[in-house]
Amino acid sequence: MSAPVVEAPADREVPEERPAGDRAPASSRGGSLTAYAMVAPNLLLIVVFLLVPLVWALVMSFQAKRSFGPGRWTGLDNLTRLLGDDVFWRALLNTGIFTVATVPLSVGLGLALALLMDRALPGRGVFRTIVYLPIAISTLVTSLVGLLLFDETVGIVNGLLRDAGIGPVSWQTDGRLAMVTVVLMTLWTRVGFGMLVYLAALQDVDGEVMEAAAVDGAGPLARVRHIVVPWLRPTTFFLVVINLIWSFQVFDVVYVMTNGGPGYDTTMLVTYAYDEGFGAARNFGYGATVGLVLFVVTLAVTLVQVRINRRTEEA
């Protein structure tokens, strides 16, 4: 006797089996959650300390706001005032001059010192420490050192010049000399960083290529120009971008040594934004507008550098 055959109801659908490749393994999902959990603290810091202040500054730039209370909406009045503000354009020019003076010198001197310190010189460790020391301490401290050096009344430099019979120099009352002192102290604080980064990059330069070039008769300068410099192009690009950003954001050295003076000869965009927002004017809205313009200029210059570097690599 044969067993009865049970047929499935006609209206019942048999579930379609999902291909094995479409299923995400449990271990993969767990790994993704772990990765998100590890990245979350950094994302939170970026949101709290970068995106939120940026959005807040954008909102304030459309307001007349002179206290921490609610402001009065004024539309594009702050931007209109900024375009006709002679002090703003002077600060933008000063920032450009400062950037042109500091970026090439910071990168070039950093490379020169790295090439020098990469050799087996006596006391090399001591010299490396001396050059790198300003990076390890606060910029406020280095700015105070600069003030002690170049103060017209009790400064060390003027004291030495006076003893030599040259006479005191108007480091703070002459606008051009005041800019020179700011540039010199900025270089002192940055060259060590460039030297350290280049020293690390020099360890990756192929020694066999250098030896082959020396055998072929290439001198030290030729080897540096045709081998070392092209080899270090990514490092140079990194240092140029970092120094550009630092130059546009300079504040401590200027504020401590010259306070933007004499007149507006050393006023930078950041110091002007600070004076407008937290100085006697106490105009948060206008200060935020200057800060946003600084952000846009820095972003534009950085993007131009990235594009130039990309074209150079493709060529």
Protein backbone atom coordinates (compact mmCIF):
# COMPACT_ATOMS: atom_id res chain seq x y z
CA MET A 1 0.00 0.00 0.00
CA SER A 2 1.55 3.30 -1.04
CA ALA A 3 1.77 6.29 1.30
CA PRO A 4 -0.62 9.16 0.56
CA VAL A 5 0.88 12.15 -1.23
CA VAL A 6 0.30 15.47 0.56
CA GLU A 7 0.21 18.43 -1.80
CA ALA A 8 0.91 21.96 -0.70
CA PRO A 9 -1.99 24.38 -0.92
CA ALA A 10 -2.14 26.25 -4.20
CA ASP A 11 -2.20 29.70 -2.55
CA ARG A 12 0.88 29.12 -0.41
CA GLU A 13 4.08 30.65 -1.74
CA VAL A 14 7.33 28.88 -1.18
CA PRO A 15 9.92 31.43 0.10
CA GLU A 16 12.66 32.06 -2.38
CA GLU A 17 16.06 31.22 -1.07
CA ARG A 18 18.41 34.26 -0.90
CA PRO A 19 21.73 33.80 -2.68
CA ALA A 20 24.58 33.22 -0.28
CA GLY A 21 26.55 36.13 -1.73
CA ASP A 22 23.81 38.61 -0.74
CA ARG A 23 24.01 37.86 2.95
CA ALA A 24 26.30 39.97 5.09
CA PRO A 25 28.22 37.74 7.50
CA ALA A 26 27.63 38.43 11.15
CA SER A 27 31.34 38.95 11.66
CA SER A 28 31.37 41.67 8.96
CA ARG A 29 28.46 43.51 10.56
CA GLY A 30 30.17 43.29 13.93
CA GLY A 31 33.39 44.62 12.46
CA SER A 32 31.56 47.58 10.92
CA LEU A 33 29.93 48.43 14.23
CA THR A 34 33.30 48.23 15.96
CA ALA A 35 34.85 50.53 13.35
CA TYR A 36 32.04 53.08 13.72
CA ALA A 37 32.37 52.93 17.50
CA MET A 38 36.10 53.67 17.26
CA VAL A 39 35.59 56.57 14.83
CA ALA A 40 32.65 58.06 16.74
CA PRO A 41 34.71 60.02 19.36
CA ASN A 42 36.73 61.74 16.62
CA LEU A 43 33.60 62.51 14.61
CA LEU A 44 31.99 63.95 17.74
CA LEU A 45 34.99 66.22 18.33
CA ILE A 46 34.92 67.40 14.70
CA VAL A 47 31.21 68.18 14.91
CA VAL A 48 31.43 69.96 18.28
CA PHE A 49 34.63 71.94 17.76
CA LEU A 50 34.61 72.49 13.97
CA LEU A 51 31.21 72.17 12.30
CA VAL A 52 29.11 73.73 15.08
CA PRO A 53 31.36 76.84 15.44
CA LEU A 54 31.49 77.19 11.66
CA VAL A 55 27.71 77.13 11.34
CA TRP A 56 27.38 79.47 14.32
CA ALA A 57 29.82 81.94 12.75
CA LEU A 58 27.86 81.78 9.49
CA VAL A 59 24.64 82.61 11.34
CA MET A 60 26.28 85.48 13.26
CA SER A 61 27.68 86.97 10.05
CA PHE A 62 24.10 87.94 9.13
CA GLN A 63 23.47 89.64 12.47
CA ALA A 64 24.36 92.77 14.39
CA LYS A 65 25.44 91.04 17.56
CA ARG A 66 27.34 92.76 20.36
CA SER A 67 26.68 90.40 23.26
CA PHE A 68 26.07 86.75 23.96
CA GLY A 69 22.34 87.32 23.77
CA PRO A 70 20.18 87.22 20.64
CA GLY A 71 21.30 89.41 17.75
CA ARG A 72 19.46 91.53 15.23
CA TRP A 73 19.27 90.20 11.67
CA THR A 74 20.89 92.61 9.20
CA GLY A 75 21.25 90.46 6.08
CA LEU A 76 24.36 91.29 4.03
CA ASP A 77 25.20 94.52 5.89
CA ASN A 78 28.35 93.01 7.45
CA LEU A 79 29.61 91.82 4.08
CA THR A 80 28.87 95.19 2.49
CA ARG A 81 30.78 96.96 5.25
CA LEU A 82 33.68 94.52 4.88
CA LEU A 83 34.07 95.16 1.15
CA GLY A 84 34.45 98.87 1.85
CA ASP A 85 36.63 98.49 4.94
CA ASP A 86 40.17 99.80 4.31
CA VAL A 87 41.47 98.12 7.45
CA PHE A 88 40.23 94.73 6.24
CA TRP A 89 42.01 95.10 2.90
CA ARG A 90 45.17 96.21 4.71
CA ALA A 91 44.94 93.15 6.95
CA LEU A 92 44.45 90.93 3.90
CA LEU A 93 47.50 92.48 2.23
CA ASN A 94 49.59 92.06 5.40
CA THR A 95 48.53 88.43 5.65
CA GLY A 96 49.53 87.85 2.03
CA ILE A 97 52.94 89.49 2.54
CA PHE A 98 53.51 87.51 5.71
CA THR A 99 52.55 84.26 3.95
CA VAL A 100 54.83 84.91 0.96
CA ALA A 101 57.70 85.69 3.33
CA THR A 102 57.30 82.77 5.73
CA VAL A 103 56.16 79.76 3.68
CA PRO A 104 59.09 79.46 1.21
CA LEU A 105 61.67 80.25 3.90
CA SER A 106 60.16 77.79 6.39
CA VAL A 107 60.17 74.96 3.85
CA GLY A 108 63.54 75.82 2.30
CA LEU A 109 65.38 76.27 5.62
CA GLY A 110 63.78 73.10 6.97
CA LEU A 111 65.11 71.12 3.99
CA ALA A 112 68.58 72.69 4.27
CA LEU A 113 68.83 71.89 7.98
CA ALA A 114 67.51 68.36 7.41
CA LEU A 115 70.20 67.71 4.79
CA LEU A 116 72.80 69.08 7.18
CA MET A 117 71.57 67.15 10.21
CA ASP A 118 71.26 63.93 8.22
CA ARG A 119 75.05 63.74 8.08
CA ALA A 120 77.26 62.32 10.81
CA LEU A 121 78.17 65.65 12.42
CA PRO A 122 79.56 66.06 15.95
CA GLY A 123 76.85 67.19 18.36
CA ARG A 124 74.13 66.49 15.82
CA GLY A 125 71.60 65.52 18.49
CA VAL A 126 72.18 68.75 20.40
CA PHE A 127 71.69 70.89 17.29
CA ARG A 128 68.51 68.98 16.39
CA THR A 129 67.12 69.66 19.86
CA ILE A 130 67.96 73.37 19.69
CA VAL A 131 66.27 73.78 16.31
CA TYR A 132 63.21 71.74 17.29
CA LEU A 133 62.81 73.26 20.77
CA PRO A 134 60.41 76.09 19.74
CA ILE A 135 57.94 73.46 18.45
CA ALA A 136 57.89 71.72 21.82
CA ILE A 137 56.94 74.83 23.79
CA SER A 138 53.96 77.14 23.58
CA THR A 139 53.84 79.76 20.84
CA LEU A 140 52.96 82.26 23.54
CA VAL A 141 56.32 81.58 25.20
CA THR A 142 58.22 82.00 21.94
CA SER A 143 56.30 85.23 21.31
CA LEU A 144 57.36 86.54 24.71
CA VAL A 145 60.94 85.61 23.85
CA GLY A 146 60.58 87.64 20.65
CA LEU A 147 59.28 90.60 22.64
CA LEU A 148 62.24 90.30 24.98
CA LEU A 149 64.62 90.25 22.03
CA PHE A 150 63.19 93.12 19.98
CA ASP A 151 61.76 95.50 22.58
CA GLU A 152 63.05 98.97 21.71
CA THR A 153 63.71 99.98 25.31
CA VAL A 154 64.97 96.89 27.12
CA GLY A 155 65.36 94.41 24.25
CA ILE A 156 68.48 92.26 24.03
CA VAL A 157 69.07 93.03 20.35
CA ASN A 158 69.01 96.80 20.85
CA GLY A 159 71.21 96.39 23.91
CA LEU A 160 73.85 94.58 21.83
CA LEU A 161 73.57 97.15 19.04
CA ARG A 162 73.94 99.97 21.54
CA ASP A 163 77.06 98.38 23.02
CA ALA A 164 78.47 98.01 19.49
CA GLY A 165 77.94 101.71 18.86
CA ILE A 166 75.36 101.15 16.12
CA GLY A 167 72.51 102.59 18.13
CA PRO A 168 68.98 101.29 18.85
CA VAL A 169 66.71 100.22 16.01
CA SER A 170 63.01 101.08 15.86
CA TRP A 171 61.81 97.47 15.81
CA GLN A 172 58.29 98.31 17.03
CA THR A 173 57.62 101.85 15.79
CA ASP A 174 58.73 101.21 12.20
CA GLY A 175 56.07 99.19 10.38
CA ARG A 176 58.44 97.36 8.03
CA LEU A 177 60.82 96.41 10.83
CA ALA A 178 57.91 95.28 12.97
CA MET A 179 56.85 92.91 10.18
CA VAL A 180 60.45 91.67 9.94
CA THR A 181 60.50 90.78 13.64
CA VAL A 182 57.22 88.90 13.34
CA VAL A 183 58.53 86.96 10.33
CA LEU A 184 61.81 86.11 12.09
CA MET A 185 60.11 84.76 15.20
CA THR A 186 57.65 82.80 13.08
CA LEU A 187 60.50 81.19 11.16
CA TRP A 188 62.16 80.26 14.45
CA THR A 189 59.03 78.41 15.51
CA ARG A 190 58.48 76.58 12.18
CA VAL A 191 61.86 75.63 10.78
CA GLY A 192 62.27 72.87 13.37
CA PHE A 193 59.04 71.21 12.31
CA GLY A 194 60.06 71.24 8.65
CA MET A 195 63.49 69.86 9.56
CA LEU A 196 61.97 66.99 11.53
CA VAL A 197 59.53 66.03 8.76
CA TYR A 198 62.25 66.16 6.11
CA LEU A 199 64.61 64.10 8.28
CA ALA A 200 62.01 61.36 8.45
CA ALA A 201 61.43 61.54 4.69
CA LEU A 202 65.15 61.42 3.90
CA GLN A 203 65.33 57.93 5.39
CA ASP A 204 63.26 56.68 2.42
CA VAL A 205 65.57 58.10 -0.25
CA ASP A 206 67.13 55.20 -2.15
CA GLY A 207 70.80 55.07 -1.20
CA GLU A 208 71.71 52.99 -4.25
CA VAL A 209 70.39 55.70 -6.57
CA MET A 210 72.47 58.30 -4.72
CA GLU A 211 75.58 56.14 -4.94
CA ALA A 212 75.00 55.52 -8.65
CA ALA A 213 74.67 59.25 -9.27
CA ALA A 214 77.88 59.90 -7.35
CA VAL A 215 79.70 57.27 -9.41
CA ASP A 216 78.44 58.94 -12.59
CA GLY A 217 80.04 62.17 -11.45
CA ALA A 218 77.05 64.07 -10.00
CA GLY A 219 78.10 66.45 -7.27
CA PRO A 220 76.31 66.99 -3.95
CA LEU A 221 74.19 69.89 -5.25
CA ALA A 222 73.27 68.00 -8.41
CA ARG A 223 72.21 64.95 -6.37
CA VAL A 224 70.07 67.12 -4.12
CA ARG A 225 68.47 68.94 -7.05
CA HIS A 226 67.80 65.98 -9.35
CA ILE A 227 67.24 63.14 -6.85
CA VAL A 228 66.44 64.34 -3.34
CA VAL A 229 64.11 67.22 -4.19
CA PRO A 230 61.92 65.22 -6.63
CA TRP A 231 61.90 62.30 -4.20
CA LEU A 232 60.66 64.55 -1.39
CA ARG A 233 57.93 66.22 -3.50
CA PRO A 234 55.00 64.75 -1.46
CA THR A 235 56.67 65.87 1.78
CA THR A 236 57.26 69.34 0.35
CA PHE A 237 53.63 69.58 -0.73
CA PHE A 238 52.49 68.63 2.78
CA LEU A 239 54.74 71.24 4.39
CA VAL A 240 53.67 73.96 1.95
CA VAL A 241 49.97 73.37 2.66
CA ILE A 242 50.51 73.21 6.44
CA ASN A 243 52.59 76.40 6.44
CA LEU A 244 50.02 78.18 4.28
CA ILE A 245 47.29 77.36 6.76
CA TRP A 246 49.48 78.38 9.69
CA SER A 247 50.39 81.68 8.02
CA PHE A 248 46.76 82.58 7.36
CA GLN A 249 45.93 81.73 10.98
CA VAL A 250 48.85 83.57 12.63
CA PHE A 251 47.80 85.25 15.85
CA ASP A 252 49.97 84.71 18.94
CA VAL A 253 53.21 86.18 17.60
CA VAL A 254 51.52 89.28 16.21
CA TYR A 255 49.28 89.87 19.20
CA VAL A 256 52.12 89.61 21.74
CA MET A 257 54.92 91.35 19.85
CA THR A 258 53.18 94.19 17.99
CA ASN A 259 49.44 93.95 18.71
CA GLY A 260 48.91 94.69 15.02
CA GLY A 261 50.87 97.93 15.13
CA PRO A 262 52.31 100.36 14.57
CA GLY A 263 49.01 101.56 13.19
CA TYR A 264 47.79 98.64 11.10
CA ASP A 265 51.18 97.72 9.63
CA THR A 266 51.20 94.19 11.13
CA THR A 267 47.45 93.64 11.49
CA MET A 268 46.51 90.20 10.14
CA LEU A 269 43.07 88.83 9.32
CA VAL A 270 42.88 86.80 12.52
CA THR A 271 43.98 89.66 14.76
CA TYR A 272 41.51 91.98 13.02
CA ALA A 273 38.68 89.49 13.47
CA TYR A 274 39.63 89.16 17.15
CA ASP A 275 39.75 92.93 17.67
CA GLU A 276 36.35 93.39 16.03
CA GLY A 277 34.73 90.52 17.91
CA PHE A 278 36.34 90.76 21.34
CA GLY A 279 38.02 94.17 21.39
CA ALA A 280 36.53 97.56 22.06
CA ALA A 281 34.09 97.26 19.15
CA ARG A 282 32.60 94.03 20.53
CA ASN A 283 30.91 93.34 17.19
CA PHE A 284 30.58 89.57 17.04
CA GLY A 285 28.73 89.64 13.74
CA TYR A 286 31.38 91.61 11.88
CA GLY A 287 34.19 89.61 13.48
CA ALA A 288 32.49 86.40 12.35
CA THR A 289 32.25 87.80 8.81
CA VAL A 290 36.01 88.47 8.73
CA GLY A 291 36.62 84.97 10.06
CA LEU A 292 34.46 83.40 7.36
CA VAL A 293 36.29 85.32 4.64
CA LEU A 294 39.56 84.02 6.10
CA PHE A 295 38.17 80.48 5.99
CA VAL A 296 37.14 80.86 2.34
CA VAL A 297 40.52 82.32 1.34
CA THR A 298 42.43 79.55 3.14
CA LEU A 299 40.25 76.87 1.56
CA ALA A 300 40.66 78.37 -1.91
CA VAL A 301 44.45 78.63 -1.64
CA THR A 302 44.68 75.06 -0.34
CA LEU A 303 42.55 73.72 -3.19
CA VAL A 304 44.70 75.55 -5.72
CA GLN A 305 47.80 73.97 -4.20
CA VAL A 306 46.20 70.53 -4.36
CA ARG A 307 45.29 71.01 -8.02
CA ILE A 308 48.77 72.24 -8.93
CA ASN A 309 50.35 69.29 -7.14
CA ARG A 310 48.02 66.85 -8.91
CA ARG A 311 48.88 68.30 -12.32
CA THR A 312 52.58 68.11 -11.50
CA GLU A 313 52.30 64.45 -10.54
CA GLU A 314 50.33 63.62 -13.69
CA ALA A 315 52.89 65.37 -15.86
